[in-house]
Amino acid sequence: MSADSIVLGAGIVGVSTAIHLARRGRSVVLVDRRGAGEETSFGNAGLIQREGIVPYGFPQEVGMLVRYGLNNRIDAHYHLKAMPKLVPFLSRYWWHSNEVRHQAIANAYAPLIENSAPNMQI
């Protein structure tokens, strides 16, 4: 078997890349260690959400911070040994997640998301 292109990963990005290459006349081999969409795409249903223009902000409420700190959440988990390396990143993430700064970031992202698929209605 010969091909012009090999795409590694059959998640939404890999499959989309393979389709676009094939539409442009390339012969494509799509390779994944599992079935298409069984890994990352399985978790996010293979969707790119245009309405999701507001990035996920770091919690600002004390109660929520305590629950994350106790590793008492299903949406995030950390290892205590990793914290020294993570603290600088998490501090910046928390700082930029305050209401005013977070809104400014969301406003800056909006045109990028809006133009990601110009033929669709938001």
PDB file of N, CA and C in Angstrom:
ATOM      1  N   MET A   1       0.856  -1.177   0.000  1.00  0.00           N
ATOM      2  CA  MET A   1       0.000   0.000   0.000  1.00  0.00           C
ATOM      3  C   MET A   1       0.899   1.236   0.000  1.00  0.00           C
ATOM      4  N   SER A   2       0.567   2.185  -0.827  1.00  0.00           N
ATOM      5  CA  SER A   2       1.298   3.453  -0.818  1.00  0.00           C
ATOM      6  C   SER A   2       0.294   4.594  -0.686  1.00  0.00           C
ATOM      7  N   ALA A   3       0.774   5.690  -0.140  1.00  0.00           N
ATOM      8  CA  ALA A   3      -0.097   6.843   0.078  1.00  0.00           C
ATOM      9  C   ALA A   3       0.733   8.107   0.018  1.00  0.00           C
ATOM     10  N   ASP A   4       0.066   9.214  -0.317  1.00  0.00           N
ATOM     11  CA  ASP A   4       0.725  10.521  -0.298  1.00  0.00           C
ATOM     12  C   ASP A   4       0.889  11.023   1.128  1.00  0.00           C
ATOM     13  N   SER A   5      -0.081  10.670   1.979  1.00  0.00           N
ATOM     14  CA  SER A   5      -0.128  11.227   3.333  1.00  0.00           C
ATOM     15  C   SER A   5      -0.504  10.155   4.340  1.00  0.00           C
ATOM     16  N   ILE A   6       0.067  10.284   5.530  1.00  0.00           N
ATOM     17  CA  ILE A   6      -0.328   9.447   6.660  1.00  0.00           C
ATOM     18  C   ILE A   6      -0.786  10.400   7.755  1.00  0.00           C
ATOM     19  N   VAL A   7      -1.976  10.160   8.276  1.00  0.00           N
ATOM     20  CA  VAL A   7      -2.502  10.961   9.377  1.00  0.00           C
ATOM     21  C   VAL A   7      -2.540  10.059  10.600  1.00  0.00           C
ATOM     22  N   LEU A   8      -1.878  10.496  11.659  1.00  0.00           N
ATOM     23  CA  LEU A   8      -1.847   9.731  12.899  1.00  0.00           C
ATOM     24  C   LEU A   8      -2.915  10.257  13.841  1.00  0.00           C
ATOM     25  N   GLY A   9      -3.844   9.394  14.213  1.00  0.00           N
ATOM     26  CA  GLY A   9      -4.900   9.773  15.146  1.00  0.00           C
ATOM     27  C   GLY A   9      -6.229   9.924  14.444  1.00  0.00           C
ATOM     28  N   ALA A  10      -7.201   9.115  14.839  1.00  0.00           N
ATOM     29  CA  ALA A  10      -8.522   9.130  14.204  1.00  0.00           C
ATOM     30  C   ALA A  10      -9.554   9.807  15.100  1.00  0.00           C
ATOM     31  N   GLY A  11      -9.121  10.874  15.777  1.00  0.00           N
ATOM     32  CA  GLY A  11     -10.064  11.714  16.505  1.00  0.00           C
ATOM     33  C   GLY A  11     -10.659  12.717  15.526  1.00  0.00           C
ATOM     34  N   ILE A  12     -11.371  13.694  16.028  1.00  0.00           N
ATOM     35  CA  ILE A  12     -12.042  14.664  15.157  1.00  0.00           C
ATOM     36  C   ILE A  12     -11.044  15.420  14.288  1.00  0.00           C
ATOM     37  N   VAL A  13      -9.892  15.765  14.831  1.00  0.00           N
ATOM     38  CA  VAL A  13      -8.894  16.503  14.062  1.00  0.00           C
ATOM     39  C   VAL A  13      -8.274  15.608  12.994  1.00  0.00           C
ATOM     40  N   GLY A  14      -7.900  14.378  13.370  1.00  0.00           N
ATOM     41  CA  GLY A  14      -7.303  13.460  12.406  1.00  0.00           C
ATOM     42  C   GLY A  14      -8.243  13.106  11.273  1.00  0.00           C
ATOM     43  N   VAL A  15      -9.478  12.765  11.601  1.00  0.00           N
ATOM     44  CA  VAL A  15     -10.460  12.414  10.572  1.00  0.00           C
ATOM     45  C   VAL A  15     -10.729  13.614   9.664  1.00  0.00           C
ATOM     46  N   SER A  16     -10.885  14.788  10.255  1.00  0.00           N
ATOM     47  CA  SER A  16     -11.127  15.993   9.450  1.00  0.00           C
ATOM     48  C   SER A  16      -9.950  16.273   8.523  1.00  0.00           C
ATOM     49  N   THR A  17      -8.738  16.115   9.036  1.00  0.00           N
ATOM     50  CA  THR A  17      -7.546  16.329   8.218  1.00  0.00           C
ATOM     51  C   THR A  17      -7.507  15.328   7.064  1.00  0.00           C
ATOM     52  N   ALA A  18      -7.771  14.065   7.364  1.00  0.00           N
ATOM     53  CA  ALA A  18      -7.770  13.034   6.317  1.00  0.00           C
ATOM     54  C   ALA A  18      -8.818  13.322   5.251  1.00  0.00           C
ATOM     55  N   ILE A  19      -9.995  13.744   5.652  1.00  0.00           N
ATOM     56  CA  ILE A  19     -11.064  14.063   4.689  1.00  0.00           C
ATOM     57  C   ILE A  19     -10.645  15.213   3.792  1.00  0.00           C
ATOM     58  N   HIS A  20     -10.106  16.260   4.395  1.00  0.00           N
ATOM     59  CA  HIS A  20      -9.704  17.422   3.586  1.00  0.00           C
ATOM     60  C   HIS A  20      -8.564  17.085   2.633  1.00  0.00           C
ATOM     61  N   LEU A  21      -7.621  16.272   3.069  1.00  0.00           N
ATOM     62  CA  LEU A  21      -6.540  15.842   2.179  1.00  0.00           C
ATOM     63  C   LEU A  21      -7.101  15.020   1.021  1.00  0.00           C
ATOM     64  N   ALA A  22      -8.014  14.088   1.325  1.00  0.00           N
ATOM     65  CA  ALA A  22      -8.622  13.260   0.280  1.00  0.00           C
ATOM     66  C   ALA A  22      -9.408  14.118  -0.709  1.00  0.00           C
ATOM     67  N   ARG A  23     -10.127  15.115  -0.212  1.00  0.00           N
ATOM     68  CA  ARG A  23     -10.875  16.009  -1.108  1.00  0.00           C
ATOM     69  C   ARG A  23      -9.953  16.808  -2.022  1.00  0.00           C
ATOM     70  N   ARG A  24      -8.721  16.955  -1.611  1.00  0.00           N
ATOM     71  CA  ARG A  24      -7.738  17.671  -2.426  1.00  0.00           C
ATOM     72  C   ARG A  24      -6.941  16.727  -3.325  1.00  0.00           C
ATOM     73  N   GLY A  25      -7.414  15.489  -3.424  1.00  0.00           N
ATOM     74  CA  GLY A  25      -6.811  14.541  -4.348  1.00  0.00           C
ATOM     75  C   GLY A  25      -5.654  13.729  -3.803  1.00  0.00           C
ATOM     76  N   ARG A  26      -5.376  13.826  -2.510  1.00  0.00           N
ATOM     77  CA  ARG A  26      -4.285  13.051  -1.914  1.00  0.00           C
ATOM     78  C   ARG A  26      -4.800  11.672  -1.526  1.00  0.00           C
ATOM     79  N   SER A  27      -3.925  10.686  -1.632  1.00  0.00           N
ATOM     80  CA  SER A  27      -4.282   9.371  -1.089  1.00  0.00           C
ATOM     81  C   SER A  27      -3.815   9.369   0.360  1.00  0.00           C
ATOM     82  N   VAL A  28      -4.696   8.957   1.252  1.00  0.00           N
ATOM     83  CA  VAL A  28      -4.460   9.124   2.685  1.00  0.00           C
ATOM     84  C   VAL A  28      -4.615   7.799   3.413  1.00  0.00           C
ATOM     85  N   VAL A  29      -3.702   7.559   4.343  1.00  0.00           N
ATOM     86  CA  VAL A  29      -3.841   6.451   5.280  1.00  0.00           C
ATOM     87  C   VAL A  29      -4.053   7.077   6.655  1.00  0.00           C
ATOM     88  N   LEU A  30      -5.144   6.697   7.297  1.00  0.00           N
ATOM     89  CA  LEU A  30      -5.485   7.193   8.631  1.00  0.00           C
ATOM     90  C   LEU A  30      -5.187   6.084   9.628  1.00  0.00           C
ATOM     91  N   VAL A  31      -4.290   6.358  10.586  1.00  0.00           N
ATOM     92  CA  VAL A  31      -3.831   5.332  11.520  1.00  0.00           C
ATOM     93  C   VAL A  31      -4.172   5.743  12.945  1.00  0.00           C
ATOM     94  N   ASP A  32      -4.718   4.802  13.687  1.00  0.00           N
ATOM     95  CA  ASP A  32      -4.966   5.017  15.109  1.00  0.00           C
ATOM     96  C   ASP A  32      -4.802   3.689  15.809  1.00  0.00           C
ATOM     97  N   ARG A  33      -4.372   3.723  17.048  1.00  0.00           N
ATOM     98  CA  ARG A  33      -4.195   2.472  17.791  1.00  0.00           C
ATOM     99  C   ARG A  33      -5.528   1.861  18.205  1.00  0.00           C
ATOM    100  N   ARG A  34      -6.591   2.660  18.133  1.00  0.00           N
ATOM    101  CA  ARG A  34      -7.929   2.178  18.473  1.00  0.00           C
ATOM    102  C   ARG A  34      -8.864   2.572  17.342  1.00  0.00           C
ATOM    103  N   GLY A  35     -10.151   2.354  17.527  1.00  0.00           N
ATOM    104  CA  GLY A  35     -11.128   2.722  16.509  1.00  0.00           C
ATOM    105  C   GLY A  35     -11.311   4.230  16.442  1.00  0.00           C
ATOM    106  N   ALA A  36     -11.829   4.689  15.318  1.00  0.00           N
ATOM    107  CA  ALA A  36     -12.052   6.130  15.130  1.00  0.00           C
ATOM    108  C   ALA A  36     -12.923   6.690  16.245  1.00  0.00           C
ATOM    109  N   GLY A  37     -12.479   7.775  16.835  1.00  0.00           N
ATOM    110  CA  GLY A  37     -13.242   8.469  17.864  1.00  0.00           C
ATOM    111  C   GLY A  37     -13.306   7.778  19.204  1.00  0.00           C
ATOM    112  N   GLU A  38     -12.481   6.759  19.447  1.00  0.00           N
ATOM    113  CA  GLU A  38     -12.553   6.026  20.712  1.00  0.00           C
ATOM    114  C   GLU A  38     -11.732   6.646  21.833  1.00  0.00           C
ATOM    115  N   GLU A  39     -10.913   7.646  21.529  1.00  0.00           N
ATOM    116  CA  GLU A  39     -10.106   8.227  22.595  1.00  0.00           C
ATOM    117  C   GLU A  39     -10.548   9.666  22.828  1.00  0.00           C
ATOM    118  N   THR A  40      -9.781  10.648  22.426  1.00  0.00           N
ATOM    119  CA  THR A  40     -10.162  12.030  22.756  1.00  0.00           C
ATOM    120  C   THR A  40     -11.543  12.382  22.231  1.00  0.00           C
ATOM    121  N   SER A  41     -11.827  12.035  21.006  1.00  0.00           N
ATOM    122  CA  SER A  41     -13.126  12.390  20.438  1.00  0.00           C
ATOM    123  C   SER A  41     -14.267  11.731  21.201  1.00  0.00           C
ATOM    124  N   PHE A  42     -14.023  10.565  21.782  1.00  0.00           N
ATOM    125  CA  PHE A  42     -15.059   9.904  22.562  1.00  0.00           C
ATOM    126  C   PHE A  42     -15.471  10.779  23.738  1.00  0.00           C
ATOM    127  N   GLY A  43     -14.487  11.400  24.380  1.00  0.00           N
ATOM    128  CA  GLY A  43     -14.760  12.225  25.554  1.00  0.00           C
ATOM    129  C   GLY A  43     -15.498  13.502  25.232  1.00  0.00           C
ATOM    130  N   ASN A  44     -15.253  14.071  24.053  1.00  0.00           N
ATOM    131  CA  ASN A  44     -15.917  15.335  23.718  1.00  0.00           C
ATOM    132  C   ASN A  44     -16.938  15.165  22.602  1.00  0.00           C
ATOM    133  N   ALA A  45     -17.274  13.930  22.286  1.00  0.00           N
ATOM    134  CA  ALA A  45     -18.267  13.595  21.268  1.00  0.00           C
ATOM    135  C   ALA A  45     -17.869  14.068  19.878  1.00  0.00           C
ATOM    136  N   GLY A  46     -16.595  14.423  19.688  1.00  0.00           N
ATOM    137  CA  GLY A  46     -16.125  14.837  18.372  1.00  0.00           C
ATOM    138  C   GLY A  46     -16.683  16.160  17.908  1.00  0.00           C
ATOM    139  N   LEU A  47     -17.059  17.008  18.827  1.00  0.00           N
ATOM    140  CA  LEU A  47     -17.679  18.280  18.470  1.00  0.00           C
ATOM    141  C   LEU A  47     -16.730  19.450  18.658  1.00  0.00           C
ATOM    142  N   ILE A  48     -16.826  20.394  17.760  1.00  0.00           N
ATOM    143  CA  ILE A  48     -16.174  21.681  17.951  1.00  0.00           C
ATOM    144  C   ILE A  48     -17.318  22.662  18.167  1.00  0.00           C
ATOM    145  N   GLN A  49     -17.431  23.197  19.349  1.00  0.00           N
ATOM    146  CA  GLN A  49     -18.575  24.030  19.708  1.00  0.00           C
ATOM    147  C   GLN A  49     -18.304  25.492  19.419  1.00  0.00           C
ATOM    148  N   ARG A  50     -19.025  26.042  18.461  1.00  0.00           N
ATOM    149  CA  ARG A  50     -18.881  27.456  18.156  1.00  0.00           C
ATOM    150  C   ARG A  50     -19.504  28.318  19.239  1.00  0.00           C
ATOM    151  N   GLU A  51     -20.485  27.803  19.951  1.00  0.00           N
ATOM    152  CA  GLU A  51     -21.108  28.621  20.984  1.00  0.00           C
ATOM    153  C   GLU A  51     -20.240  28.656  22.239  1.00  0.00           C
ATOM    154  N   GLY A  52     -19.204  27.834  22.301  1.00  0.00           N
ATOM    155  CA  GLY A  52     -18.352  27.771  23.473  1.00  0.00           C
ATOM    156  C   GLY A  52     -17.205  28.764  23.413  1.00  0.00           C
ATOM    157  N   ILE A  53     -17.530  30.051  23.211  1.00  0.00           N
ATOM    158  CA  ILE A  53     -16.465  31.036  23.037  1.00  0.00           C
ATOM    159  C   ILE A  53     -15.888  31.525  24.351  1.00  0.00           C
ATOM    160  N   VAL A  54     -16.555  31.232  25.441  1.00  0.00           N
ATOM    161  CA  VAL A  54     -16.058  31.693  26.739  1.00  0.00           C
ATOM    162  C   VAL A  54     -15.160  30.595  27.306  1.00  0.00           C
ATOM    163  N   PRO A  55     -13.871  30.876  27.468  1.00  0.00           N
ATOM    164  CA  PRO A  55     -12.966  29.851  28.001  1.00  0.00           C
ATOM    165  C   PRO A  55     -13.304  29.497  29.440  1.00  0.00           C
ATOM    166  N   TYR A  56     -12.942  28.305  29.821  1.00  0.00           N
ATOM    167  CA  TYR A  56     -13.190  27.829  31.174  1.00  0.00           C
ATOM    168  C   TYR A  56     -12.302  28.611  32.141  1.00  0.00           C
ATOM    169  N   GLY A  57     -12.902  29.263  33.091  1.00  0.00           N
ATOM    170  CA  GLY A  57     -12.155  30.072  34.047  1.00  0.00           C
ATOM    171  C   GLY A  57     -11.800  29.297  35.303  1.00  0.00           C
ATOM    172  N   PHE A  58     -10.718  29.692  35.926  1.00  0.00           N
ATOM    173  CA  PHE A  58     -10.298  29.097  37.200  1.00  0.00           C
ATOM    174  C   PHE A  58     -11.265  29.578  38.278  1.00  0.00           C
ATOM    175  N   PRO A  59     -11.737  28.697  39.140  1.00  0.00           N
ATOM    176  CA  PRO A  59     -12.692  29.110  40.172  1.00  0.00           C
ATOM    177  C   PRO A  59     -12.156  30.246  41.037  1.00  0.00           C
ATOM    178  N   GLN A  60     -13.047  31.163  41.392  1.00  0.00           N
ATOM    179  CA  GLN A  60     -12.686  32.300  42.233  1.00  0.00           C
ATOM    180  C   GLN A  60     -13.307  32.189  43.626  1.00  0.00           C
ATOM    181  N   GLU A  61     -14.334  31.348  43.773  1.00  0.00           N
ATOM    182  CA  GLU A  61     -15.031  31.222  45.048  1.00  0.00           C
ATOM    183  C   GLU A  61     -14.208  30.364  46.014  1.00  0.00           C
ATOM    184  N   VAL A  62     -14.106  30.793  47.258  1.00  0.00           N
ATOM    185  CA  VAL A  62     -13.291  30.111  48.261  1.00  0.00           C
ATOM    186  C   VAL A  62     -13.741  28.663  48.451  1.00  0.00           C
ATOM    187  N   GLY A  63     -15.030  28.432  48.556  1.00  0.00           N
ATOM    188  CA  GLY A  63     -15.537  27.068  48.755  1.00  0.00           C
ATOM    189  C   GLY A  63     -15.129  26.128  47.629  1.00  0.00           C
ATOM    190  N   MET A  64     -15.223  26.619  46.405  1.00  0.00           N
ATOM    191  CA  MET A  64     -14.844  25.794  45.257  1.00  0.00           C
ATOM    192  C   MET A  64     -13.335  25.549  45.248  1.00  0.00           C
ATOM    193  N   LEU A  65     -12.555  26.571  45.590  1.00  0.00           N
ATOM    194  CA  LEU A  65     -11.101  26.407  45.657  1.00  0.00           C
ATOM    195  C   LEU A  65     -10.713  25.346  46.697  1.00  0.00           C
ATOM    196  N   VAL A  66     -11.429  25.328  47.817  1.00  0.00           N
ATOM    197  CA  VAL A  66     -11.160  24.331  48.859  1.00  0.00           C
ATOM    198  C   VAL A  66     -11.457  22.932  48.324  1.00  0.00           C
ATOM    199  N   ARG A  67     -12.584  22.777  47.622  1.00  0.00           N
ATOM    200  CA  ARG A  67     -12.929  21.461  47.077  1.00  0.00           C
ATOM    201  C   ARG A  67     -11.897  20.989  46.066  1.00  0.00           C
ATOM    202  N   TYR A  68     -11.433  21.891  45.207  1.00  0.00           N
ATOM    203  CA  TYR A  68     -10.359  21.520  44.279  1.00  0.00           C
ATOM    204  C   TYR A  68      -9.086  21.193  45.057  1.00  0.00           C
ATOM    205  N   GLY A  69      -8.775  22.002  46.069  1.00  0.00           N
ATOM    206  CA  GLY A  69      -7.579  21.788  46.869  1.00  0.00           C
ATOM    207  C   GLY A  69      -7.563  20.445  47.568  1.00  0.00           C
ATOM    208  N   LEU A  70      -8.738  19.958  47.923  1.00  0.00           N
ATOM    209  CA  LEU A  70      -8.852  18.651  48.586  1.00  0.00           C
ATOM    210  C   LEU A  70      -8.964  17.503  47.584  1.00  0.00           C
ATOM    211  N   ASN A  71      -8.823  17.815  46.288  1.00  0.00           N
ATOM    212  CA  ASN A  71      -8.981  16.808  45.231  1.00  0.00           C
ATOM    213  C   ASN A  71     -10.366  16.165  45.312  1.00  0.00           C
ATOM    214  N   ASN A  72     -11.361  16.983  45.606  1.00  0.00           N
ATOM    215  CA  ASN A  72     -12.720  16.506  45.837  1.00  0.00           C
ATOM    216  C   ASN A  72     -13.636  16.879  44.668  1.00  0.00           C
ATOM    217  N   ARG A  73     -13.083  16.854  43.456  1.00  0.00           N
ATOM    218  CA  ARG A  73     -13.862  17.195  42.252  1.00  0.00           C
ATOM    219  C   ARG A  73     -13.585  16.134  41.197  1.00  0.00           C
ATOM    220  N   ILE A  74     -14.555  15.887  40.336  1.00  0.00           N
ATOM    221  CA  ILE A  74     -14.325  14.913  39.271  1.00  0.00           C
ATOM    222  C   ILE A  74     -13.755  15.557  38.007  1.00  0.00           C
ATOM    223  N   ASP A  75     -13.835  16.880  37.893  1.00  0.00           N
ATOM    224  CA  ASP A  75     -13.374  17.544  36.671  1.00  0.00           C
ATOM    225  C   ASP A  75     -11.904  17.931  36.712  1.00  0.00           C
ATOM    226  N   ALA A  76     -11.239  17.732  37.824  1.00  0.00           N
ATOM    227  CA  ALA A  76      -9.811  18.019  37.924  1.00  0.00           C
ATOM    228  C   ALA A  76      -9.218  17.154  39.025  1.00  0.00           C
ATOM    229  N   HIS A  77      -7.993  16.744  38.807  1.00  0.00           N
ATOM    230  CA  HIS A  77      -7.277  15.950  39.802  1.00  0.00           C
ATOM    231  C   HIS A  77      -5.807  16.300  39.693  1.00  0.00           C
ATOM    232  N   TYR A  78      -5.138  16.393  40.793  1.00  0.00           N
ATOM    233  CA  TYR A  78      -3.716  16.708  40.758  1.00  0.00           C
ATOM    234  C   TYR A  78      -2.959  15.786  41.702  1.00  0.00           C
ATOM    235  N   HIS A  79      -1.661  15.715  41.474  1.00  0.00           N
ATOM    236  CA  HIS A  79      -0.762  14.968  42.344  1.00  0.00           C
ATOM    237  C   HIS A  79       0.051  15.998  43.135  1.00  0.00           C
ATOM    238  N   LEU A  80       0.096  15.839  44.415  1.00  0.00           N
ATOM    239  CA  LEU A  80       0.773  16.796  45.287  1.00  0.00           C
ATOM    240  C   LEU A  80       2.219  17.043  44.863  1.00  0.00           C
ATOM    241  N   LYS A  81       2.904  16.010  44.387  1.00  0.00           N
ATOM    242  CA  LYS A  81       4.297  16.162  43.968  1.00  0.00           C
ATOM    243  C   LYS A  81       4.442  17.113  42.780  1.00  0.00           C
ATOM    244  N   ALA A  82       3.387  17.259  41.988  1.00  0.00           N
ATOM    245  CA  ALA A  82       3.446  18.120  40.798  1.00  0.00           C
ATOM    246  C   ALA A  82       3.209  19.593  41.133  1.00  0.00           C
ATOM    247  N   MET A  83       2.693  19.876  42.313  1.00  0.00           N
ATOM    248  CA  MET A  83       2.306  21.245  42.654  1.00  0.00           C
ATOM    249  C   MET A  83       3.424  22.282  42.550  1.00  0.00           C
ATOM    250  N   PRO A  84       4.653  22.009  42.993  1.00  0.00           N
ATOM    251  CA  PRO A  84       5.681  23.052  42.859  1.00  0.00           C
ATOM    252  C   PRO A  84       5.849  23.553  41.418  1.00  0.00           C
ATOM    253  N   LYS A  85       5.732  22.665  40.444  1.00  0.00           N
ATOM    254  CA  LYS A  85       5.852  23.074  39.043  1.00  0.00           C
ATOM    255  C   LYS A  85       4.572  23.735  38.535  1.00  0.00           C
ATOM    256  N   LEU A  86       3.440  23.377  39.108  1.00  0.00           N
ATOM    257  CA  LEU A  86       2.153  23.887  38.636  1.00  0.00           C
ATOM    258  C   LEU A  86       1.768  25.244  39.221  1.00  0.00           C
ATOM    259  N   VAL A  87       2.291  25.574  40.394  1.00  0.00           N
ATOM    260  CA  VAL A  87       1.882  26.799  41.085  1.00  0.00           C
ATOM    261  C   VAL A  87       2.024  28.055  40.213  1.00  0.00           C
ATOM    262  N   PRO A  88       3.142  28.273  39.504  1.00  0.00           N
ATOM    263  CA  PRO A  88       3.222  29.480  38.673  1.00  0.00           C
ATOM    264  C   PRO A  88       2.122  29.538  37.602  1.00  0.00           C
ATOM    265  N   PHE A  89       1.874  28.414  36.932  1.00  0.00           N
ATOM    266  CA  PHE A  89       0.816  28.373  35.923  1.00  0.00           C
ATOM    267  C   PHE A  89      -0.558  28.595  36.550  1.00  0.00           C
ATOM    268  N   LEU A  90      -0.840  27.878  37.624  1.00  0.00           N
ATOM    269  CA  LEU A  90      -2.149  27.996  38.269  1.00  0.00           C
ATOM    270  C   LEU A  90      -2.383  29.403  38.809  1.00  0.00           C
ATOM    271  N   SER A  91      -1.337  30.041  39.307  1.00  0.00           N
ATOM    272  CA  SER A  91      -1.468  31.418  39.804  1.00  0.00           C
ATOM    273  C   SER A  91      -1.858  32.373  38.674  1.00  0.00           C
ATOM    274  N   ARG A  92      -1.205  32.233  37.514  1.00  0.00           N
ATOM    275  CA  ARG A  92      -1.547  33.094  36.366  1.00  0.00           C
ATOM    276  C   ARG A  92      -2.961  32.789  35.867  1.00  0.00           C
ATOM    277  N   TYR A  93      -3.293  31.502  35.844  1.00  0.00           N
ATOM    278  CA  TYR A  93      -4.632  31.085  35.405  1.00  0.00           C
ATOM    279  C   TYR A  93      -5.685  31.694  36.335  1.00  0.00           C
ATOM    280  N   TRP A  94      -5.477  31.592  37.641  1.00  0.00           N
ATOM    281  CA  TRP A  94      -6.415  32.173  38.607  1.00  0.00           C
ATOM    282  C   TRP A  94      -6.514  33.684  38.406  1.00  0.00           C
ATOM    283  N   TRP A  95      -5.377  34.360  38.245  1.00  0.00           N
ATOM    284  CA  TRP A  95      -5.347  35.819  38.069  1.00  0.00           C
ATOM    285  C   TRP A  95      -6.159  36.240  36.845  1.00  0.00           C
ATOM    286  N   HIS A  96      -5.992  35.573  35.728  1.00  0.00           N
ATOM    287  CA  HIS A  96      -6.681  35.931  34.496  1.00  0.00           C
ATOM    288  C   HIS A  96      -8.134  35.462  34.467  1.00  0.00           C
ATOM    289  N   SER A  97      -8.542  34.689  35.455  1.00  0.00           N
ATOM    290  CA  SER A  97      -9.922  34.218  35.520  1.00  0.00           C
ATOM    291  C   SER A  97     -10.830  35.124  36.336  1.00  0.00           C
ATOM    292  N   ASN A  98     -10.284  36.225  36.874  1.00  0.00           N
ATOM    293  CA  ASN A  98     -11.157  37.147  37.592  1.00  0.00           C
ATOM    294  C   ASN A  98     -12.178  37.706  36.592  1.00  0.00           C
ATOM    295  N   GLU A  99     -13.310  38.123  37.048  1.00  0.00           N
ATOM    296  CA  GLU A  99     -14.443  38.453  36.175  1.00  0.00           C
ATOM    297  C   GLU A  99     -14.094  39.433  35.054  1.00  0.00           C
ATOM    298  N   VAL A 100     -13.421  40.511  35.367  1.00  0.00           N
ATOM    299  CA  VAL A 100     -13.112  41.542  34.356  1.00  0.00           C
ATOM    300  C   VAL A 100     -12.120  41.017  33.323  1.00  0.00           C
ATOM    301  N   ARG A 101     -11.031  40.404  33.801  1.00  0.00           N
ATOM    302  CA  ARG A 101     -10.022  39.891  32.861  1.00  0.00           C
ATOM    303  C   ARG A 101     -10.561  38.741  32.037  1.00  0.00           C
ATOM    304  N   HIS A 102     -11.351  37.872  32.666  1.00  0.00           N
ATOM    305  CA  HIS A 102     -11.934  36.729  31.959  1.00  0.00           C
ATOM    306  C   HIS A 102     -12.869  37.206  30.844  1.00  0.00           C
ATOM    307  N   GLN A 103     -13.671  38.221  31.108  1.00  0.00           N
ATOM    308  CA  GLN A 103     -14.571  38.766  30.091  1.00  0.00           C
ATOM    309  C   GLN A 103     -13.780  39.375  28.936  1.00  0.00           C
ATOM    310  N   ALA A 104     -12.678  40.048  29.233  1.00  0.00           N
ATOM    311  CA  ALA A 104     -11.838  40.630  28.178  1.00  0.00           C
ATOM    312  C   ALA A 104     -11.271  39.537  27.278  1.00  0.00           C
ATOM    313  N   ILE A 105     -10.859  38.422  27.876  1.00  0.00           N
ATOM    314  CA  ILE A 105     -10.337  37.296  27.091  1.00  0.00           C
ATOM    315  C   ILE A 105     -11.444  36.701  26.227  1.00  0.00           C
ATOM    316  N   ALA A 106     -12.624  36.512  26.803  1.00  0.00           N
ATOM    317  CA  ALA A 106     -13.747  35.958  26.040  1.00  0.00           C
ATOM    318  C   ALA A 106     -14.099  36.870  24.866  1.00  0.00           C
ATOM    319  N   ASN A 107     -14.064  38.175  25.084  1.00  0.00           N
ATOM    320  CA  ASN A 107     -14.351  39.123  23.995  1.00  0.00           C
ATOM    321  C   ASN A 107     -13.293  39.031  22.899  1.00  0.00           C
ATOM    322  N   ALA A 108     -12.046  38.811  23.285  1.00  0.00           N
ATOM    323  CA  ALA A 108     -10.970  38.691  22.296  1.00  0.00           C
ATOM    324  C   ALA A 108     -11.096  37.390  21.498  1.00  0.00           C
ATOM    325  N   TYR A 109     -11.558  36.322  22.138  1.00  0.00           N
ATOM    326  CA  TYR A 109     -11.711  35.033  21.455  1.00  0.00           C
ATOM    327  C   TYR A 109     -12.916  35.003  20.526  1.00  0.00           C
ATOM    328  N   ALA A 110     -13.946  35.789  20.831  1.00  0.00           N
ATOM    329  CA  ALA A 110     -15.213  35.716  20.088  1.00  0.00           C
ATOM    330  C   ALA A 110     -15.038  35.815  18.576  1.00  0.00           C
ATOM    331  N   PRO A 111     -14.289  36.791  18.046  1.00  0.00           N
ATOM    332  CA  PRO A 111     -14.144  36.864  16.587  1.00  0.00           C
ATOM    333  C   PRO A 111     -13.437  35.649  15.991  1.00  0.00           C
ATOM    334  N   LEU A 112     -12.516  35.046  16.733  1.00  0.00           N
ATOM    335  CA  LEU A 112     -11.830  33.859  16.228  1.00  0.00           C
ATOM    336  C   LEU A 112     -12.809  32.700  16.062  1.00  0.00           C
ATOM    337  N   ILE A 113     -13.653  32.495  17.071  1.00  0.00           N
ATOM    338  CA  ILE A 113     -14.637  31.411  17.020  1.00  0.00           C
ATOM    339  C   ILE A 113     -15.694  31.719  15.978  1.00  0.00           C
ATOM    340  N   GLU A 114     -16.146  32.962  15.946  1.00  0.00           N
ATOM    341  CA  GLU A 114     -17.172  33.385  14.994  1.00  0.00           C
ATOM    342  C   GLU A 114     -16.764  33.098  13.559  1.00  0.00           C
ATOM    343  N   ASN A 115     -15.482  33.302  13.252  1.00  0.00           N
ATOM    344  CA  ASN A 115     -15.000  33.118  11.889  1.00  0.00           C
ATOM    345  C   ASN A 115     -14.475  31.717  11.618  1.00  0.00           C
ATOM    346  N   SER A 116     -14.581  30.819  12.592  1.00  0.00           N
ATOM    347  CA  SER A 116     -14.055  29.472  12.392  1.00  0.00           C
ATOM    348  C   SER A 116     -14.874  28.684  11.379  1.00  0.00           C
ATOM    349  N   ALA A 117     -16.130  28.971  11.248  1.00  0.00           N
ATOM    350  CA  ALA A 117     -16.997  28.322  10.263  1.00  0.00           C
ATOM    351  C   ALA A 117     -17.974  29.373   9.765  1.00  0.00           C
ATOM    352  N   PRO A 118     -17.545  30.219   8.809  1.00  0.00           N
ATOM    353  CA  PRO A 118     -18.323  31.385   8.423  1.00  0.00           C
ATOM    354  C   PRO A 118     -19.706  31.102   7.838  1.00  0.00           C
ATOM    355  N   ASN A 119     -19.964  29.886   7.386  1.00  0.00           N
ATOM    356  CA  ASN A 119     -21.284  29.601   6.791  1.00  0.00           C
ATOM    357  C   ASN A 119     -22.322  29.172   7.813  1.00  0.00           C
ATOM    358  N   MET A 120     -21.947  29.086   9.074  1.00  0.00           N
ATOM    359  CA  MET A 120     -22.873  28.656  10.111  1.00  0.00           C
ATOM    360  C   MET A 120     -23.416  29.857  10.864  1.00  0.00           C
ATOM    361  N   GLN A 121     -24.624  29.731  11.349  1.00  0.00           N
ATOM    362  CA  GLN A 121     -25.221  30.769  12.168  1.00  0.00           C
ATOM    363  C   GLN A 121     -24.870  30.518  13.629  1.00  0.00           C
ATOM    364  N   ILE A 122     -24.614  31.603  14.361  1.00  0.00           N
ATOM    365  CA  ILE A 122     -24.346  31.474  15.799  1.00  0.00           C
ATOM    366  C   ILE A 122     -25.613  31.752  16.567  1.00  0.00           C
TER     367      ILE A 122
END
